[in-house]
Amino acid sequence: MEIALKNTTFTGSLANDRTAIRDAIANVKGYQGLASGPISFCAAATPQCRDGNRTAVLIGYTKGGENFETEVLARVTMEEDFGLE
């Protein structure tokens, strides 16, 4: 969202600004998430576009408390049509 907002030119019109933010999100490609691997979005109203690259991540906590630490235990990238009909 931060990337999209930085790439949005706001006009002061709520309707236009909403459209501009939507379009900026759709143009985010290859974002390297915290643990998931690269994520891209697109404008089509398909599950593949809504759900990025559909990478499931299993994260384990190695240290609890206020200064917690985590590690990525596994990543699984599913085929584009996995579970979709």
PDB file of N, CA and C in Angstrom:
ATOM      1  N   MET A   1       0.827  -1.183   0.000  1.00  0.00           N
ATOM      2  CA  MET A   1       0.000   0.000   0.000  1.00  0.00           C
ATOM      3  C   MET A   1       0.872   1.246   0.000  1.00  0.00           C
ATOM      4  N   GLU A   2       1.967   1.208   0.754  1.00  0.00           N
ATOM      5  CA  GLU A   2       2.862   2.360   0.806  1.00  0.00           C
ATOM      6  C   GLU A   2       3.419   2.692  -0.581  1.00  0.00           C
ATOM      7  N   ILE A   3       3.802   1.668  -1.323  1.00  0.00           N
ATOM      8  CA  ILE A   3       4.317   1.883  -2.677  1.00  0.00           C
ATOM      9  C   ILE A   3       3.247   2.531  -3.547  1.00  0.00           C
ATOM     10  N   ALA A   4       2.035   2.016  -3.465  1.00  0.00           N
ATOM     11  CA  ALA A   4       0.940   2.559  -4.271  1.00  0.00           C
ATOM     12  C   ALA A   4       0.656   4.013  -3.914  1.00  0.00           C
ATOM     13  N   LEU A   5       0.631   4.321  -2.626  1.00  0.00           N
ATOM     14  CA  LEU A   5       0.349   5.703  -2.213  1.00  0.00           C
ATOM     15  C   LEU A   5       1.444   6.662  -2.662  1.00  0.00           C
ATOM     16  N   LYS A   6       2.690   6.210  -2.621  1.00  0.00           N
ATOM     17  CA  LYS A   6       3.792   7.058  -3.081  1.00  0.00           C
ATOM     18  C   LYS A   6       3.720   7.310  -4.583  1.00  0.00           C
ATOM     19  N   ASN A   7       3.109   6.379  -5.322  1.00  0.00           N
ATOM     20  CA  ASN A   7       3.012   6.504  -6.776  1.00  0.00           C
ATOM     21  C   ASN A   7       1.683   7.083  -7.242  1.00  0.00           C
ATOM     22  N   THR A   8       0.916   7.647  -6.317  1.00  0.00           N
ATOM     23  CA  THR A   8      -0.390   8.205  -6.638  1.00  0.00           C
ATOM     24  C   THR A   8      -0.331   9.729  -6.619  1.00  0.00           C
ATOM     25  N   THR A   9      -0.895  10.351  -7.640  1.00  0.00           N
ATOM     26  CA  THR A   9      -1.053  11.803  -7.661  1.00  0.00           C
ATOM     27  C   THR A   9      -2.493  12.091  -7.250  1.00  0.00           C
ATOM     28  N   PHE A  10      -2.667  12.754  -6.130  1.00  0.00           N
ATOM     29  CA  PHE A  10      -3.999  13.029  -5.602  1.00  0.00           C
ATOM     30  C   PHE A  10      -4.557  14.310  -6.196  1.00  0.00           C
ATOM     31  N   THR A  11      -5.862  14.269  -6.512  1.00  0.00           N
ATOM     32  CA  THR A  11      -6.516  15.404  -7.169  1.00  0.00           C
ATOM     33  C   THR A  11      -7.438  16.175  -6.234  1.00  0.00           C
ATOM     34  N   GLY A  12      -7.797  15.584  -5.105  1.00  0.00           N
ATOM     35  CA  GLY A  12      -8.763  16.204  -4.210  1.00  0.00           C
ATOM     36  C   GLY A  12     -10.174  15.702  -4.434  1.00  0.00           C
ATOM     37  N   SER A  13     -10.385  14.976  -5.507  1.00  0.00           N
ATOM     38  CA  SER A  13     -11.684  14.361  -5.784  1.00  0.00           C
ATOM     39  C   SER A  13     -11.642  12.947  -5.233  1.00  0.00           C
ATOM     40  N   LEU A  14     -12.530  12.627  -4.292  1.00  0.00           N
ATOM     41  CA  LEU A  14     -12.530  11.308  -3.661  1.00  0.00           C
ATOM     42  C   LEU A  14     -12.646  10.192  -4.698  1.00  0.00           C
ATOM     43  N   ALA A  15     -13.561  10.334  -5.650  1.00  0.00           N
ATOM     44  CA  ALA A  15     -13.748   9.304  -6.670  1.00  0.00           C
ATOM     45  C   ALA A  15     -12.485   9.131  -7.517  1.00  0.00           C
ATOM     46  N   ASN A  16     -11.892  10.233  -7.946  1.00  0.00           N
ATOM     47  CA  ASN A  16     -10.678  10.158  -8.761  1.00  0.00           C
ATOM     48  C   ASN A  16      -9.503   9.611  -7.974  1.00  0.00           C
ATOM     49  N   ASP A  17      -9.391  10.014  -6.713  1.00  0.00           N
ATOM     50  CA  ASP A  17      -8.292   9.534  -5.877  1.00  0.00           C
ATOM     51  C   ASP A  17      -8.412   8.040  -5.610  1.00  0.00           C
ATOM     52  N   ARG A  18      -9.625   7.550  -5.391  1.00  0.00           N
ATOM     53  CA  ARG A  18      -9.832   6.106  -5.192  1.00  0.00           C
ATOM     54  C   ARG A  18      -9.403   5.332  -6.434  1.00  0.00           C
ATOM     55  N   THR A  19      -9.769   5.838  -7.594  1.00  0.00           N
ATOM     56  CA  THR A  19      -9.389   5.185  -8.847  1.00  0.00           C
ATOM     57  C   THR A  19      -7.874   5.203  -9.022  1.00  0.00           C
ATOM     58  N   ALA A  20      -7.251   6.325  -8.694  1.00  0.00           N
ATOM     59  CA  ALA A  20      -5.797   6.443  -8.831  1.00  0.00           C
ATOM     60  C   ALA A  20      -5.077   5.472  -7.898  1.00  0.00           C
ATOM     61  N   ILE A  21      -5.576   5.307  -6.674  1.00  0.00           N
ATOM     62  CA  ILE A  21      -4.972   4.354  -5.727  1.00  0.00           C
ATOM     63  C   ILE A  21      -5.154   2.934  -6.236  1.00  0.00           C
ATOM     64  N   ARG A  22      -6.353   2.596  -6.708  1.00  0.00           N
ATOM     65  CA  ARG A  22      -6.601   1.260  -7.261  1.00  0.00           C
ATOM     66  C   ARG A  22      -5.639   0.962  -8.399  1.00  0.00           C
ATOM     67  N   ASP A  23      -5.474   1.919  -9.301  1.00  0.00           N
ATOM     68  CA  ASP A  23      -4.583   1.730 -10.442  1.00  0.00           C
ATOM     69  C   ASP A  23      -3.128   1.594  -9.993  1.00  0.00           C
ATOM     70  N   ALA A  24      -2.728   2.346  -8.978  1.00  0.00           N
ATOM     71  CA  ALA A  24      -1.354   2.260  -8.472  1.00  0.00           C
ATOM     72  C   ALA A  24      -1.093   0.897  -7.838  1.00  0.00           C
ATOM     73  N   ILE A  25      -2.070   0.345  -7.124  1.00  0.00           N
ATOM     74  CA  ILE A  25      -1.918  -0.999  -6.550  1.00  0.00           C
ATOM     75  C   ILE A  25      -1.766  -2.020  -7.666  1.00  0.00           C
ATOM     76  N   ALA A  26      -2.572  -1.894  -8.711  1.00  0.00           N
ATOM     77  CA  ALA A  26      -2.520  -2.843  -9.831  1.00  0.00           C
ATOM     78  C   ALA A  26      -1.173  -2.817 -10.541  1.00  0.00           C
ATOM     79  N   ASN A  27      -0.433  -1.732 -10.407  1.00  0.00           N
ATOM     80  CA  ASN A  27       0.859  -1.610 -11.078  1.00  0.00           C
ATOM     81  C   ASN A  27       2.039  -2.052 -10.221  1.00  0.00           C
ATOM     82  N   VAL A  28       1.789  -2.511  -8.996  1.00  0.00           N
ATOM     83  CA  VAL A  28       2.875  -3.014  -8.154  1.00  0.00           C
ATOM     84  C   VAL A  28       3.276  -4.388  -8.685  1.00  0.00           C
ATOM     85  N   LYS A  29       4.526  -4.536  -9.059  1.00  0.00           N
ATOM     86  CA  LYS A  29       5.036  -5.793  -9.618  1.00  0.00           C
ATOM     87  C   LYS A  29       6.294  -6.212  -8.862  1.00  0.00           C
ATOM     88  N   GLY A  30       6.387  -7.482  -8.525  1.00  0.00           N
ATOM     89  CA  GLY A  30       7.598  -8.038  -7.935  1.00  0.00           C
ATOM     90  C   GLY A  30       7.946  -7.514  -6.558  1.00  0.00           C
ATOM     91  N   TYR A  31       6.950  -7.086  -5.782  1.00  0.00           N
ATOM     92  CA  TYR A  31       7.219  -6.593  -4.425  1.00  0.00           C
ATOM     93  C   TYR A  31       7.756  -7.741  -3.575  1.00  0.00           C
ATOM     94  N   GLN A  32       8.890  -7.522  -2.937  1.00  0.00           N
ATOM     95  CA  GLN A  32       9.488  -8.538  -2.080  1.00  0.00           C
ATOM     96  C   GLN A  32       8.909  -8.389  -0.681  1.00  0.00           C
ATOM     97  N   GLY A  33       7.972  -9.275  -0.345  1.00  0.00           N
ATOM     98  CA  GLY A  33       7.318  -9.226   0.958  1.00  0.00           C
ATOM     99  C   GLY A  33       8.249  -9.628   2.079  1.00  0.00           C
ATOM    100  N   LEU A  34       7.752  -9.515   3.289  1.00  0.00           N
ATOM    101  CA  LEU A  34       8.537  -9.833   4.467  1.00  0.00           C
ATOM    102  C   LEU A  34       9.069 -11.255   4.411  1.00  0.00           C
ATOM    103  N   ALA A  35       8.225 -12.188   4.012  1.00  0.00           N
ATOM    104  CA  ALA A  35       8.662 -13.578   3.977  1.00  0.00           C
ATOM    105  C   ALA A  35       8.121 -14.347   2.796  1.00  0.00           C
ATOM    106  N   SER A  36       7.226 -13.758   2.030  1.00  0.00           N
ATOM    107  CA  SER A  36       6.479 -14.526   1.039  1.00  0.00           C
ATOM    108  C   SER A  36       7.160 -14.692  -0.296  1.00  0.00           C
ATOM    109  N   GLY A  37       8.150 -13.904  -0.598  1.00  0.00           N
ATOM    110  CA  GLY A  37       8.700 -13.906  -1.942  1.00  0.00           C
ATOM    111  C   GLY A  37       8.019 -12.822  -2.752  1.00  0.00           C
ATOM    112  N   PRO A  38       8.402 -12.657  -4.023  1.00  0.00           N
ATOM    113  CA  PRO A  38       7.874 -11.545  -4.814  1.00  0.00           C
ATOM    114  C   PRO A  38       6.370 -11.655  -5.055  1.00  0.00           C
ATOM    115  N   ILE A  39       5.678 -10.523  -4.937  1.00  0.00           N
ATOM    116  CA  ILE A  39       4.237 -10.458  -5.118  1.00  0.00           C
ATOM    117  C   ILE A  39       3.942  -9.406  -6.177  1.00  0.00           C
ATOM    118  N   SER A  40       3.076  -9.753  -7.119  1.00  0.00           N
ATOM    119  CA  SER A  40       2.642  -8.803  -8.134  1.00  0.00           C
ATOM    120  C   SER A  40       1.120  -8.738  -8.129  1.00  0.00           C
ATOM    121  N   PHE A  41       0.567  -7.619  -8.522  1.00  0.00           N
ATOM    122  CA  PHE A  41      -0.865  -7.426  -8.593  1.00  0.00           C
ATOM    123  C   PHE A  41      -1.224  -7.029 -10.016  1.00  0.00           C
ATOM    124  N   CYS A  42      -2.487  -7.091 -10.346  1.00  0.00           N
ATOM    125  CA  CYS A  42      -2.943  -6.647 -11.661  1.00  0.00           C
ATOM    126  C   CYS A  42      -4.375  -6.140 -11.529  1.00  0.00           C
ATOM    127  N   ALA A  43      -4.897  -5.589 -12.579  1.00  0.00           N
ATOM    128  CA  ALA A  43      -6.193  -4.913 -12.511  1.00  0.00           C
ATOM    129  C   ALA A  43      -7.392  -5.820 -12.722  1.00  0.00           C
ATOM    130  N   ALA A  44      -7.198  -7.013 -13.276  1.00  0.00           N
ATOM    131  CA  ALA A  44      -8.337  -7.893 -13.571  1.00  0.00           C
ATOM    132  C   ALA A  44      -8.997  -8.379 -12.276  1.00  0.00           C
ATOM    133  N   ALA A  45     -10.287  -8.625 -12.346  1.00  0.00           N
ATOM    134  CA  ALA A  45     -11.019  -9.074 -11.151  1.00  0.00           C
ATOM    135  C   ALA A  45     -10.999 -10.596 -11.030  1.00  0.00           C
ATOM    136  N   THR A  46      -9.828 -11.187 -11.172  1.00  0.00           N
ATOM    137  CA  THR A  46      -9.690 -12.636 -11.063  1.00  0.00           C
ATOM    138  C   THR A  46      -9.027 -12.984  -9.733  1.00  0.00           C
ATOM    139  N   PRO A  47      -9.204 -14.195  -9.236  1.00  0.00           N
ATOM    140  CA  PRO A  47      -8.534 -14.584  -7.984  1.00  0.00           C
ATOM    141  C   PRO A  47      -7.020 -14.457  -8.074  1.00  0.00           C
ATOM    142  N   GLN A  48      -6.434 -14.734  -9.239  1.00  0.00           N
ATOM    143  CA  GLN A  48      -4.991 -14.616  -9.373  1.00  0.00           C
ATOM    144  C   GLN A  48      -4.522 -13.185  -9.137  1.00  0.00           C
ATOM    145  N   CYS A  49      -5.281 -12.223  -9.617  1.00  0.00           N
ATOM    146  CA  CYS A  49      -4.909 -10.814  -9.411  1.00  0.00           C
ATOM    147  C   CYS A  49      -5.161 -10.382  -7.973  1.00  0.00           C
ATOM    148  N   ARG A  50      -6.296 -10.790  -7.418  1.00  0.00           N
ATOM    149  CA  ARG A  50      -6.615 -10.396  -6.038  1.00  0.00           C
ATOM    150  C   ARG A  50      -5.619 -10.973  -5.050  1.00  0.00           C
ATOM    151  N   ASP A  51      -5.134 -12.186  -5.290  1.00  0.00           N
ATOM    152  CA  ASP A  51      -4.342 -12.906  -4.305  1.00  0.00           C
ATOM    153  C   ASP A  51      -2.843 -12.876  -4.582  1.00  0.00           C
ATOM    154  N   GLY A  52      -2.369 -11.937  -5.386  1.00  0.00           N
ATOM    155  CA  GLY A  52      -0.946 -11.861  -5.675  1.00  0.00           C
ATOM    156  C   GLY A  52      -0.476 -13.156  -6.326  1.00  0.00           C
ATOM    157  N   ASN A  53       0.679 -13.647  -5.925  1.00  0.00           N
ATOM    158  CA  ASN A  53       1.188 -14.856  -6.567  1.00  0.00           C
ATOM    159  C   ASN A  53       0.830 -16.121  -5.784  1.00  0.00           C
ATOM    160  N   ARG A  54      -0.048 -16.030  -4.810  1.00  0.00           N
ATOM    161  CA  ARG A  54      -0.569 -17.177  -4.069  1.00  0.00           C
ATOM    162  C   ARG A  54       0.552 -17.988  -3.421  1.00  0.00           C
ATOM    163  N   THR A  55       1.461 -17.318  -2.724  1.00  0.00           N
ATOM    164  CA  THR A  55       2.544 -17.995  -2.029  1.00  0.00           C
ATOM    165  C   THR A  55       2.186 -18.140  -0.562  1.00  0.00           C
ATOM    166  N   ALA A  56       2.074 -19.375  -0.143  1.00  0.00           N
ATOM    167  CA  ALA A  56       1.818 -19.643   1.282  1.00  0.00           C
ATOM    168  C   ALA A  56       3.153 -19.659   2.022  1.00  0.00           C
ATOM    169  N   VAL A  57       3.149 -19.125   3.246  1.00  0.00           N
ATOM    170  CA  VAL A  57       4.370 -19.050   4.028  1.00  0.00           C
ATOM    171  C   VAL A  57       4.095 -19.588   5.429  1.00  0.00           C
ATOM    172  N   LEU A  58       5.009 -20.421   5.924  1.00  0.00           N
ATOM    173  CA  LEU A  58       4.937 -20.913   7.293  1.00  0.00           C
ATOM    174  C   LEU A  58       6.044 -20.226   8.074  1.00  0.00           C
ATOM    175  N   ILE A  59       5.661 -19.442   9.092  1.00  0.00           N
ATOM    176  CA  ILE A  59       6.616 -18.675   9.880  1.00  0.00           C
ATOM    177  C   ILE A  59       6.648 -19.229  11.298  1.00  0.00           C
ATOM    178  N   GLY A  60       7.856 -19.420  11.824  1.00  0.00           N
ATOM    179  CA  GLY A  60       8.011 -19.890  13.200  1.00  0.00           C
ATOM    180  C   GLY A  60       8.627 -18.805  14.061  1.00  0.00           C
ATOM    181  N   TYR A  61       8.164 -18.706  15.302  1.00  0.00           N
ATOM    182  CA  TYR A  61       8.743 -17.764  16.253  1.00  0.00           C
ATOM    183  C   TYR A  61       9.924 -18.422  16.945  1.00  0.00           C
ATOM    184  N   THR A  62      11.093 -17.789  16.867  1.00  0.00           N
ATOM    185  CA  THR A  62      12.285 -18.340  17.514  1.00  0.00           C
ATOM    186  C   THR A  62      12.555 -17.676  18.853  1.00  0.00           C
ATOM    187  N   LYS A  63      11.930 -16.528  19.090  1.00  0.00           N
ATOM    188  CA  LYS A  63      12.082 -15.805  20.352  1.00  0.00           C
ATOM    189  C   LYS A  63      10.802 -15.020  20.582  1.00  0.00           C
ATOM    190  N   GLY A  64      10.213 -15.141  21.743  1.00  0.00           N
ATOM    191  CA  GLY A  64       8.991 -14.418  22.059  1.00  0.00           C
ATOM    192  C   GLY A  64       9.265 -13.085  22.726  1.00  0.00           C
ATOM    193  N   GLY A  65       8.203 -12.446  23.182  1.00  0.00           N
ATOM    194  CA  GLY A  65       8.329 -11.188  23.899  1.00  0.00           C
ATOM    195  C   GLY A  65       8.280  -9.979  22.995  1.00  0.00           C
ATOM    196  N   GLU A  66       8.574  -8.832  23.583  1.00  0.00           N
ATOM    197  CA  GLU A  66       8.495  -7.563  22.870  1.00  0.00           C
ATOM    198  C   GLU A  66       9.454  -7.515  21.680  1.00  0.00           C
ATOM    199  N   ASN A  67      10.625  -8.066  21.812  1.00  0.00           N
ATOM    200  CA  ASN A  67      11.621  -8.088  20.736  1.00  0.00           C
ATOM    201  C   ASN A  67      11.651  -9.465  20.073  1.00  0.00           C
ATOM    202  N   PHE A  68      10.474  -9.923  19.649  1.00  0.00           N
ATOM    203  CA  PHE A  68      10.346 -11.263  19.083  1.00  0.00           C
ATOM    204  C   PHE A  68      11.168 -11.409  17.809  1.00  0.00           C
ATOM    205  N   GLU A  69      11.498 -12.652  17.499  1.00  0.00           N
ATOM    206  CA  GLU A  69      12.216 -12.979  16.277  1.00  0.00           C
ATOM    207  C   GLU A  69      11.495 -14.128  15.594  1.00  0.00           C
ATOM    208  N   THR A  70      11.550 -14.131  14.272  1.00  0.00           N
ATOM    209  CA  THR A  70      10.885 -15.176  13.499  1.00  0.00           C
ATOM    210  C   THR A  70      11.848 -15.742  12.462  1.00  0.00           C
ATOM    211  N   GLU A  71      11.455 -16.878  11.901  1.00  0.00           N
ATOM    212  CA  GLU A  71      12.174 -17.439  10.769  1.00  0.00           C
ATOM    213  C   GLU A  71      11.161 -18.034   9.810  1.00  0.00           C
ATOM    214  N   VAL A  72      11.486 -18.027   8.537  1.00  0.00           N
ATOM    215  CA  VAL A  72      10.627 -18.633   7.527  1.00  0.00           C
ATOM    216  C   VAL A  72      10.942 -20.119   7.508  1.00  0.00           C
ATOM    217  N   LEU A  73       9.941 -20.937   7.809  1.00  0.00           N
ATOM    218  CA  LEU A  73      10.127 -22.384   7.835  1.00  0.00           C
ATOM    219  C   LEU A  73       9.908 -23.015   6.471  1.00  0.00           C
ATOM    220  N   ALA A  74       8.976 -22.452   5.670  1.00  0.00           N
ATOM    221  CA  ALA A  74       8.697 -23.020   4.353  1.00  0.00           C
ATOM    222  C   ALA A  74       7.941 -22.010   3.499  1.00  0.00           C
ATOM    223  N   ARG A  75       8.125 -22.107   2.190  1.00  0.00           N
ATOM    224  CA  ARG A  75       7.369 -21.326   1.197  1.00  0.00           C
ATOM    225  C   ARG A  75       6.849 -22.297   0.148  1.00  0.00           C
ATOM    226  N   VAL A  76       5.618 -22.125  -0.241  1.00  0.00           N
ATOM    227  CA  VAL A  76       5.043 -22.958  -1.285  1.00  0.00           C
ATOM    228  C   VAL A  76       4.301 -22.047  -2.259  1.00  0.00           C
ATOM    229  N   THR A  77       4.783 -21.951  -3.484  1.00  0.00           N
ATOM    230  CA  THR A  77       4.088 -21.182  -4.507  1.00  0.00           C
ATOM    231  C   THR A  77       3.202 -22.136  -5.289  1.00  0.00           C
ATOM    232  N   MET A  78       1.914 -21.832  -5.310  1.00  0.00           N
ATOM    233  CA  MET A  78       0.942 -22.695  -5.979  1.00  0.00           C
ATOM    234  C   MET A  78       0.776 -22.293  -7.433  1.00  0.00           C
ATOM    235  N   GLU A  79       0.344 -23.227  -8.238  1.00  0.00           N
ATOM    236  CA  GLU A  79       0.055 -22.938  -9.634  1.00  0.00           C
ATOM    237  C   GLU A  79      -1.038 -21.876  -9.702  1.00  0.00           C
ATOM    238  N   GLU A  80      -1.064 -21.126 -10.773  1.00  0.00           N
ATOM    239  CA  GLU A  80      -1.993 -20.006 -10.930  1.00  0.00           C
ATOM    240  C   GLU A  80      -3.449 -20.412 -10.748  1.00  0.00           C
ATOM    241  N   ASP A  81      -3.815 -21.605 -11.186  1.00  0.00           N
ATOM    242  CA  ASP A  81      -5.209 -22.025 -11.096  1.00  0.00           C
ATOM    243  C   ASP A  81      -5.469 -22.978  -9.929  1.00  0.00           C
ATOM    244  N   PHE A  82      -4.556 -23.075  -8.984  1.00  0.00           N
ATOM    245  CA  PHE A  82      -4.719 -23.983  -7.852  1.00  0.00           C
ATOM    246  C   PHE A  82      -5.983 -23.667  -7.062  1.00  0.00           C
ATOM    247  N   GLY A  83      -6.846 -24.627  -6.928  1.00  0.00           N
ATOM    248  CA  GLY A  83      -8.051 -24.474  -6.116  1.00  0.00           C
ATOM    249  C   GLY A  83      -9.120 -23.597  -6.720  1.00  0.00           C
ATOM    250  N   LEU A  84      -8.943 -23.223  -7.965  1.00  0.00           N
ATOM    251  CA  LEU A  84      -9.916 -22.343  -8.602  1.00  0.00           C
ATOM    252  C   LEU A  84     -10.653 -23.094  -9.686  1.00  0.00           C
ATOM    253  N   GLU A  85     -11.921 -22.800  -9.836  1.00  0.00           N
ATOM    254  CA  GLU A  85     -12.702 -23.458 -10.887  1.00  0.00           C
ATOM    255  C   GLU A  85     -13.380 -22.443 -11.761  1.00  0.00           C
TER     256      GLU A  85
END
